[in-house]
C-alpha atoms as a PDB file:
ATOM      1  CA  MET A   1     151.071 138.431  55.820  1.00  0.00           C
ATOM      2  CA  MET A   2     150.263 137.139  59.251  1.00  0.00           C
ATOM      3  CA  GLU A   3     149.676 139.805  61.886  1.00  0.00           C
ATOM      4  CA  SER A   4     149.224 137.648  64.964  1.00  0.00           C
ATOM      5  CA  ASP A   5     150.111 138.804  68.462  1.00  0.00           C
ATOM      6  CA  ASP A   6     153.118 136.484  68.365  1.00  0.00           C
ATOM      7  CA  VAL A   7     154.499 138.060  65.209  1.00  0.00           C
ATOM      8  CA  LEU A   8     153.976 141.545  66.581  1.00  0.00           C
ATOM      9  CA  ALA A   9     155.617 140.574  69.784  1.00  0.00           C
ATOM     10  CA  ARG A  10     158.636 139.280  67.894  1.00  0.00           C
ATOM     11  CA  VAL A  11     158.796 142.501  65.858  1.00  0.00           C
ATOM     12  CA  SER A  12     158.699 144.496  69.101  1.00  0.00           C
ATOM     13  CA  GLU A  13     161.534 142.449  70.533  1.00  0.00           C
ATOM     14  CA  LEU A  14     163.685 142.893  67.442  1.00  0.00           C
ATOM     15  CA  ARG A  15     162.986 146.625  67.391  1.00  0.00           C
ATOM     16  CA  ALA A  16     163.863 146.983  71.048  1.00  0.00           C
ATOM     17  CA  ALA A  17     167.194 145.233  70.263  1.00  0.00           C
ATOM     18  CA  GLY A  18     167.976 147.915  67.655  1.00  0.00           C
ATOM     19  CA  SER A  19     166.939 146.111  64.462  1.00  0.00           C
ATOM     20  CA  GLY A  20     165.618 148.188  61.573  1.00  0.00           C
ATOM     21  CA  PRO A  21     162.939 147.200  59.039  1.00  0.00           C
ATOM     22  CA  LYS A  22     165.376 145.374  56.722  1.00  0.00           C
ATOM     23  CA  GLN A  23     166.901 143.350  59.540  1.00  0.00           C
ATOM     24  CA  ILE A  24     163.438 142.529  60.937  1.00  0.00           C
ATOM     25  CA  ALA A  25     162.310 141.444  57.448  1.00  0.00           C
ATOM     26  CA  ARG A  26     165.312 139.106  57.077  1.00  0.00           C
ATOM     27  CA  ALA A  27     164.757 137.629  60.541  1.00  0.00           C
ATOM     28  CA  LEU A  28     161.072 136.907  59.890  1.00  0.00           C
ATOM     29  CA  GLY A  29     161.291 136.029  56.205  1.00  0.00           C
ATOM     30  CA  LEU A  30     159.285 139.093  55.146  1.00  0.00           C
ATOM     31  CA  ARG A  31     159.650 141.881  52.620  1.00  0.00           C
ATOM     32  CA  PRO A  32     160.948 145.193  54.072  1.00  0.00           C
ATOM     33  CA  ALA A  33     157.622 146.843  53.291  1.00  0.00           C
ATOM     34  CA  GLN A  34     155.795 144.213  55.303  1.00  0.00           C
ATOM     35  CA  ALA A  35     158.159 144.707  58.213  1.00  0.00           C
ATOM     36  CA  SER A  36     157.523 148.467  58.061  1.00  0.00           C
ATOM     37  CA  VAL A  37     153.764 147.872  58.298  1.00  0.00           C
ATOM     38  CA  LEU A  38     154.254 145.660  61.345  1.00  0.00           C
ATOM     39  CA  LEU A  39     156.520 148.264  62.967  1.00  0.00           C
ATOM     40  CA  ARG A  40     153.723 150.829  62.592  1.00  0.00           C
ATOM     41  CA  GLN A  41     151.257 148.446  64.177  1.00  0.00           C
ATOM     42  CA  VAL A  42     153.604 147.881  67.100  1.00  0.00           C
ATOM     43  CA  ALA A  43     153.947 151.619  67.607  1.00  0.00           C
ATOM     44  CA  GLU A  44     150.186 152.089  67.431  1.00  0.00           C
ATOM     45  CA  ARG A  45     149.596 149.371  70.016  1.00  0.00           C
ATOM     46  CA  ARG A  46     152.022 151.113  72.383  1.00  0.00           C
ATOM     47  CA  THR A  47     149.992 154.340  72.315  1.00  0.00           C
ATOM     48  CA  GLU A  48     146.558 152.689  72.614  1.00  0.00           C
ATOM     49  CA  GLY A  49     145.065 153.656  75.965  1.00  0.00           C
ATOM     50  CA  VAL A  50     148.039 155.851  76.794  1.00  0.00           C
ATOM     51  CA  ALA A  51     146.914 159.078  78.509  1.00  0.00           C
ATOM     52  CA  PRO A  52     147.708 162.274  76.599  1.00  0.00           C
ATOM     53  CA  ALA A  53     150.126 163.416  79.302  1.00  0.00           C
ATOM     54  CA  ASP A  54     152.133 160.240  78.941  1.00  0.00           C
ATOM     55  CA  ARG A  55     152.693 160.534  75.193  1.00  0.00           C
ATOM     56  CA  PRO A  56     156.035 161.878  74.006  1.00  0.00           C
ATOM     57  CA  VAL A  57     156.161 165.640  73.533  1.00  0.00           C
ATOM     58  CA  VAL A  58     157.142 166.613  69.985  1.00  0.00           C
ATOM     59  CA  GLY A  59     157.182 170.336  70.599  1.00  0.00           C
ATOM     60  CA  CYS A  60     155.527 173.370  72.190  1.00  0.00           C
ATOM     61  CA  TRP A  61     155.372 176.927  70.828  1.00  0.00           C
ATOM     62  CA  VAL A  62     154.128 180.400  71.728  1.00  0.00           C
ATOM     63  CA  ASN A  63     153.941 183.635  69.722  1.00  0.00           C
ATOM     64  CA  ALA A  64     156.745 186.151  70.013  1.00  0.00           C
ATOM     65  CA  GLY A  65     155.746 189.084  72.215  1.00  0.00           C
ATOM     66  CA  TRP A  66     153.610 186.975  74.543  1.00  0.00           C
ATOM     67  CA  SER A  67     155.388 188.287  77.668  1.00  0.00           C
ATOM     68  CA  VAL A  68     154.887 192.043  77.109  1.00  0.00           C
ATOM     69  CA  GLY A  69     153.639 193.615  80.323  1.00  0.00           C
ATOM     70  CA  LEU A  70     153.916 190.503  82.482  1.00  0.00           C
ATOM     71  CA  GLY A  71     156.047 190.079  85.609  1.00  0.00           C
ATOM     72  CA  LEU A  72     158.690 187.405  84.842  1.00  0.00           C
ATOM     73  CA  ALA A  73     161.230 188.044  87.597  1.00  0.00           C
ATOM     74  CA  ALA A  74     160.881 184.365  88.624  1.00  0.00           C
ATOM     75  CA  VAL A  75     161.741 183.184  85.091  1.00  0.00           C
ATOM     76  CA  PRO A  76     164.257 185.687  83.596  1.00  0.00           C
ATOM     77  CA  ALA A  77     165.270 183.208  80.889  1.00  0.00           C
ATOM     78  CA  TRP A  78     161.751 183.274  79.496  1.00  0.00           C
ATOM     79  CA  ALA A  79     161.860 187.051  79.306  1.00  0.00           C
ATOM     80  CA  GLU A  80     165.272 187.038  77.694  1.00  0.00           C
ATOM     81  CA  ALA A  81     163.991 184.621  75.037  1.00  0.00           C
ATOM     82  CA  ASP A  82     161.230 187.063  74.085  1.00  0.00           C
ATOM     83  CA  PRO A  83     162.732 190.547  73.920  1.00  0.00           C
ATOM     84  CA  PRO A  84     160.295 192.995  72.210  1.00  0.00           C
ATOM     85  CA  PRO A  85     161.910 195.684  70.061  1.00  0.00           C
ATOM     86  CA  ALA A  86     161.768 199.184  71.538  1.00  0.00           C
ATOM     87  CA  SER A  87     159.367 200.383  68.846  1.00  0.00           C
ATOM     88  CA  GLY A  88     157.057 197.407  69.234  1.00  0.00           C
ATOM     89  CA  ARG A  89     157.103 196.947  65.485  1.00  0.00           C
ATOM     90  CA  GLY A  90     156.722 193.437  64.237  1.00  0.00           C
ATOM     91  CA  TYR A  91     154.997 192.325  67.414  1.00  0.00           C
ATOM     92  CA  PRO A  92     151.249 192.133  67.157  1.00  0.00           C
ATOM     93  CA  HIS A  93     151.183 191.961  70.974  1.00  0.00           C
ATOM     94  CA  ALA A  94     153.344 194.966  71.678  1.00  0.00           C
ATOM     95  CA  ALA A  95     152.457 197.005  74.752  1.00  0.00           C
ATOM     96  CA  ASP A  96     151.227 200.013  72.811  1.00  0.00           C
ATOM     97  CA  ASP A  97     148.884 197.929  70.661  1.00  0.00           C
ATOM     98  CA  THR A  98     145.907 197.527  73.005  1.00  0.00           C
ATOM     99  CA  ALA A  99     143.750 195.952  70.325  1.00  0.00           C
ATOM    100  CA  THR A 100     145.853 192.803  70.237  1.00  0.00           C
ATOM    101  CA  SER A 101     148.215 192.897  73.208  1.00  0.00           C
ATOM    102  CA  GLY A 102     148.035 190.513  76.133  1.00  0.00           C
ATOM    103  CA  PHE A 103     147.555 187.264  74.315  1.00  0.00           C
ATOM    104  CA  ALA A 104     149.696 184.117  74.329  1.00  0.00           C
ATOM    105  CA  GLN A 105     148.854 181.634  71.546  1.00  0.00           C
ATOM    106  CA  VAL A 106     150.199 178.268  72.695  1.00  0.00           C
ATOM    107  CA  LEU A 107     150.476 175.108  70.610  1.00  0.00           C
ATOM    108  CA  VAL A 108     151.360 171.636  71.901  1.00  0.00           C
ATOM    109  CA  ALA A 109     152.225 168.584  69.721  1.00  0.00           C
ATOM    110  CA  ARG A 110     152.520 165.048  71.075  1.00  0.00           C
ATOM    111  CA  GLN A 111     153.219 161.755  69.447  1.00  0.00           C
ATOM    112  CA  GLU A 112     149.966 159.917  68.602  1.00  0.00           C
ATOM    113  CA  ARG A 113     151.433 156.877  66.870  1.00  0.00           C
ATOM    114  CA  ALA A 114     153.982 156.171  64.190  1.00  0.00           C
ATOM    115  CA  SER A 115     154.063 159.111  61.751  1.00  0.00           C
ATOM    116  CA  ARG A 116     151.066 160.727  63.383  1.00  0.00           C
ATOM    117  CA  LEU A 117     150.900 163.629  65.891  1.00  0.00           C
ATOM    118  CA  THR A 118     148.178 165.178  68.038  1.00  0.00           C
ATOM    119  CA  VAL A 119     148.181 168.947  68.117  1.00  0.00           C
ATOM    120  CA  CYS A 120     146.079 171.256  70.270  1.00  0.00           C
ATOM    121  CA  GLY A 121     146.134 174.962  71.036  1.00  0.00           C
ATOM    122  CA  PHE A 122     145.176 177.621  73.538  1.00  0.00           C
ATOM    123  CA  LEU A 123     144.381 181.279  72.994  1.00  0.00           C
ATOM    124  CA  VAL A 124     145.271 182.821  76.360  1.00  0.00           C
ATOM    125  CA  ASP A 125     144.369 186.314  77.530  1.00  0.00           C
ATOM    126  CA  VAL A 126     147.272 186.794  79.951  1.00  0.00           C
ATOM    127  CA  TYR A 127     146.035 190.247  81.007  1.00  0.00           C
ATOM    128  CA  CYS A 128     142.543 189.286  82.247  1.00  0.00           C
ATOM    129  CA  MET A 129     140.328 186.444  81.062  1.00  0.00           C
ATOM    130  CA  GLY A 130     142.569 183.408  80.825  1.00  0.00           C
ATOM    131  CA  VAL A 131     141.824 180.798  78.111  1.00  0.00           C
ATOM    132  CA  LYS A 132     139.390 182.447  75.709  1.00  0.00           C
ATOM    133  CA  ASN A 133     139.484 179.722  73.052  1.00  0.00           C
ATOM    134  CA  THR A 134     141.027 176.358  72.324  1.00  0.00           C
ATOM    135  CA  VAL A 135     141.880 174.257  69.277  1.00  0.00           C
ATOM    136  CA  GLU A 136     140.797 170.851  70.463  1.00  0.00           C
ATOM    137  CA  PRO A 137     143.081 167.828  69.847  1.00  0.00           C
ATOM    138  CA  GLU A 138     143.551 167.063  66.188  1.00  0.00           C
ATOM    139  CA  VAL A 139     145.538 164.190  64.656  1.00  0.00           C
ATOM    140  CA  ILE A 140     147.857 165.161  61.747  1.00  0.00           C
ATOM    141  CA  GLY A 141     150.641 163.585  59.806  1.00  0.00           C
ATOM    142  CA  ALA A 142     154.106 164.200  61.256  1.00  0.00           C
ATOM    143  CA  GLY A 143     155.156 165.666  57.902  1.00  0.00           C
ATOM    144  CA  SER A 144     152.386 168.275  58.110  1.00  0.00           C
ATOM    145  CA  LEU A 145     153.601 169.859  61.374  1.00  0.00           C
ATOM    146  CA  LEU A 146     155.561 172.769  59.863  1.00  0.00           C
ATOM    147  CA  ALA A 147     152.689 173.708  57.584  1.00  0.00           C
ATOM    148  CA  TYR A 148     150.320 173.507  60.549  1.00  0.00           C
ATOM    149  CA  LEU A 149     152.630 175.819  62.549  1.00  0.00           C
ATOM    150  CA  ARG A 150     152.694 178.350  59.704  1.00  0.00           C
ATOM    151  CA  ARG A 151     148.878 178.401  59.582  1.00  0.00           C
ATOM    152  CA  TYR A 152     148.419 178.561  63.336  1.00  0.00           C
ATOM    153  CA  TYR A 153     150.689 181.574  63.709  1.00  0.00           C
ATOM    154  CA  SER A 154     149.870 183.179  60.327  1.00  0.00           C
ATOM    155  CA  ALA A 155     148.503 186.320  62.082  1.00  0.00           C
ATOM    156  CA  PHE A 156     151.933 187.130  63.471  1.00  0.00           C
ATOM    157  CA  ASP A 157     154.807 188.822  61.671  1.00  0.00           C
ATOM    158  CA  GLN A 158     157.386 186.943  63.772  1.00  0.00           C
ATOM    159  CA  PRO A 159     157.811 183.163  63.818  1.00  0.00           C
ATOM    160  CA  PRO A 160     156.683 181.414  67.015  1.00  0.00           C
ATOM    161  CA  LEU A 161     159.121 180.675  69.815  1.00  0.00           C
ATOM    162  CA  SER A 162     159.866 177.061  70.649  1.00  0.00           C
ATOM    163  CA  ILE A 163     159.379 176.509  74.414  1.00  0.00           C
ATOM    164  CA  GLU A 164     159.424 173.658  76.883  1.00  0.00           C
ATOM    165  CA  LEU A 165     156.253 171.940  78.050  1.00  0.00           C
ATOM    166  CA  ASP A 166     156.772 173.360  81.539  1.00  0.00           C
ATOM    167  CA  GLN A 167     156.613 176.890  80.179  1.00  0.00           C
ATOM    168  CA  ALA A 168     153.485 176.154  78.078  1.00  0.00           C
ATOM    169  CA  ARG A 169     151.782 174.575  81.112  1.00  0.00           C
ATOM    170  CA  THR A 170     152.717 177.532  83.362  1.00  0.00           C
ATOM    171  CA  ILE A 171     151.440 180.115  80.886  1.00  0.00           C
ATOM    172  CA  VAL A 172     148.099 178.391  80.337  1.00  0.00           C
ATOM    173  CA  HIS A 173     147.277 177.159  83.826  1.00  0.00           C
ATOM    174  CA  GLY A 174     148.659 180.308  85.475  1.00  0.00           C
ATOM    175  CA  ALA A 175     146.478 182.492  83.329  1.00  0.00           C
ATOM    176  CA  VAL A 176     143.450 180.307  84.088  1.00  0.00           C
ATOM    177  CA  GLU A 177     143.998 180.595  87.777  1.00  0.00           C
ATOM    178  CA  TYR A 178     144.531 184.356  87.498  1.00  0.00           C
ATOM    179  CA  ALA A 179     141.281 184.653  85.522  1.00  0.00           C
ATOM    180  CA  ARG A 180     139.355 182.518  88.081  1.00  0.00           C
ATOM    181  CA  SER A 181     140.494 184.923  90.820  1.00  0.00           C
ATOM    182  CA  LEU A 182     138.866 187.723  88.817  1.00  0.00           C
ATOM    183  CA  GLY A 183     135.624 185.753  88.295  1.00  0.00           C
ATOM    184  CA  PHE A 184     136.184 184.216  84.819  1.00  0.00           C
ATOM    185  CA  THR A 185     136.177 180.566  83.768  1.00  0.00           C
ATOM    186  CA  PRO A 186     138.151 179.077  80.813  1.00  0.00           C
ATOM    187  CA  ALA A 187     136.580 178.382  77.385  1.00  0.00           C
ATOM    188  CA  PRO A 188     134.336 175.245  77.211  1.00  0.00           C
ATOM    189  CA  GLY A 189     136.879 173.208  75.225  1.00  0.00           C
ATOM    190  CA  PHE A 190     139.568 173.658  77.869  1.00  0.00           C
ATOM    191  CA  ALA A 191     138.717 170.438  79.781  1.00  0.00           C
ATOM    192  CA  ASP A 192     139.292 168.329  76.637  1.00  0.00           C
ATOM    193  CA  THR A 193     142.502 170.101  75.711  1.00  0.00           C
ATOM    194  CA  ALA A 194     144.239 170.660  79.039  1.00  0.00           C
ATOM    195  CA  PRO A 195     145.335 166.973  79.531  1.00  0.00           C
ATOM    196  CA  TYR A 196     147.864 167.481  76.710  1.00  0.00           C
ATOM    197  CA  LEU A 197     149.686 169.961  78.936  1.00  0.00           C
ATOM    198  CA  GLY A 198     150.075 167.402  81.733  1.00  0.00           C
ATOM    199  CA  SER A 199     149.139 167.869  85.380  1.00  0.00           C
ATOM    200  CA  VAL A 200     149.973 170.992  87.394  1.00  0.00           C
ATOM    201  CA  ARG A 201     152.778 170.003  89.734  1.00  0.00           C
ATOM    202  CA  GLY A 202     152.369 172.896  92.158  1.00  0.00           C
ATOM    203  CA  ASP A 203     155.950 174.142  91.932  1.00  0.00           C
ATOM    204  CA  GLU A 204     155.559 176.124  88.776  1.00  0.00           C
ATOM    205  CA  PRO A 205     157.222 179.541  88.803  1.00  0.00           C
ATOM    206  CA  ALA A 206     155.004 182.497  89.619  1.00  0.00           C
ATOM    207  CA  ILE A 207     154.260 184.696  86.637  1.00  0.00           C
ATOM    208  CA  VAL A 208     152.647 188.012  87.524  1.00  0.00           C
ATOM    209  CA  PHE A 209     149.708 188.167  85.149  1.00  0.00           C
ATOM    210  CA  GLY A 210     147.814 191.294  84.147  1.00  0.00           C
ATOM    211  CA  ARG A 211     149.369 194.316  82.372  1.00  0.00           C
ATOM    212  CA  GLU A 212     152.022 195.771  84.695  1.00  0.00           C
ATOM    213  CA  GLY A 213     150.447 193.910  87.616  1.00  0.00           C
ATOM    214  CA  LYS A 214     146.792 194.969  87.058  1.00  0.00           C
ATOM    215  CA  PRO A 215     143.988 193.281  85.145  1.00  0.00           C
ATOM    216  CA  PHE A 216     143.486 194.882  81.781  1.00  0.00           C
ATOM    217  CA  TYR A 217     140.447 194.008  79.704  1.00  0.00           C
ATOM    218  CA  ALA A 218     140.337 194.752  75.979  1.00  0.00           C
ATOM    219  CA  SER A 219     136.920 193.846  74.570  1.00  0.00           C
ATOM    220  CA  GLY A 220     136.470 191.381  71.707  1.00  0.00           C
ATOM    221  CA  PRO A 221     133.746 191.515  69.082  1.00  0.00           C
ATOM    222  CA  TYR A 222     131.728 188.749  70.710  1.00  0.00           C
ATOM    223  CA  ASP A 223     132.237 189.678  74.359  1.00  0.00           C
ATOM    224  CA  ASP A 224     129.504 190.730  76.717  1.00  0.00           C
ATOM    225  CA  ALA A 225     131.665 193.721  77.678  1.00  0.00           C
ATOM    226  CA  ARG A 226     129.113 195.175  80.124  1.00  0.00           C
ATOM    227  CA  ASN A 227     128.994 191.934  82.167  1.00  0.00           C
ATOM    228  CA  ILE A 228     132.789 191.521  82.096  1.00  0.00           C
ATOM    229  CA  VAL A 229     133.447 195.022  83.361  1.00  0.00           C
ATOM    230  CA  ARG A 230     130.815 194.483  86.047  1.00  0.00           C
ATOM    231  CA  THR A 231     132.562 191.299  87.117  1.00  0.00           C
ATOM    232  CA  LEU A 232     135.907 193.121  87.341  1.00  0.00           C
ATOM    233  CA  GLU A 233     134.312 195.837  89.448  1.00  0.00           C
ATOM    234  CA  GLN A 234     133.052 193.231  91.870  1.00  0.00           C
ATOM    235  CA  SER A 235     136.379 191.378  92.092  1.00  0.00           C
ATOM    236  CA  CYS A 236     138.864 194.253  91.900  1.00  0.00           C
ATOM    237  CA  GLY A 237     136.931 197.406  92.828  1.00  0.00           C
ATOM    238  CA  ALA A 238     136.291 200.343  90.546  1.00  0.00           C
ATOM    239  CA  ASP A 239     139.950 201.463  90.544  1.00  0.00           C
ATOM    240  CA  GLY A 240     141.551 197.992  90.571  1.00  0.00           C
ATOM    241  CA  PHE A 241     141.680 197.398  86.824  1.00  0.00           C
ATOM    242  CA  HIS A 242     141.880 199.042  83.426  1.00  0.00           C
ATOM    243  CA  TYR A 243     139.801 198.396  80.326  1.00  0.00           C
ATOM    244  CA  THR A 244     139.140 199.498  76.784  1.00  0.00           C
ATOM    245  CA  VAL A 245     135.970 198.616  74.972  1.00  0.00           C
ATOM    246  CA  ALA A 246     134.480 199.366  71.545  1.00  0.00           C
ATOM    247  CA  MET A 247     131.978 202.175  71.291  1.00  0.00           C
ATOM    248  CA  GLY A 248     128.510 201.013  72.176  1.00  0.00           C
ATOM    249  CA  GLN A 249     129.561 197.928  74.088  1.00  0.00           C
ATOM    250  CA  LEU A 250     128.852 199.434  77.508  1.00  0.00           C
END
């Protein structure tokens, strides 16, 4: 089967006119399977050199309970879409669970090429430290997305919430800026992963980060808690934040 630029250009024209694989095969004297291969090549060429932010968005998600303790007056619809139960049960990030509260786990999927997606993720401390970890861009089969979602959110009792890209970008970049104001920088992989969120426009709604308006630091097992608390004292003053750390970390 010839795969010259002329053939691919003709396939692209027929596809743009609404022809399917069988119609393209008849027009070019090919078998349908051959036409399908050419269609995939056309789709791959279209995404070659395309910036991550310009690739079609397949979906964005965040864990249920991400908004507990945040100020969302500017985006009431986001708060309404994430109502925590009064008891906090079923939400790993409920306000009374200080070991796990204050985190938004965001996943973004964009079209890579025909039948392939690129997924990337952000673990965001919305109470204090911004992006603590990232899942750097990974190409998966489109049919594997649901299984990937289940694995990525397997620590949560509730299924993830489907959100728009604007919301994902606002959560991640807003938390990064909040953390920078406190003296913290995002995880090293952030620069490679952030392009999949697209550029910050500057008109994103203002989320009030921190727990009930104040920084709240809950130490992790690999944190230098002493240095983090010292940084918060310098940026917020001794009474300007709250924290909880494991015994022996300070």
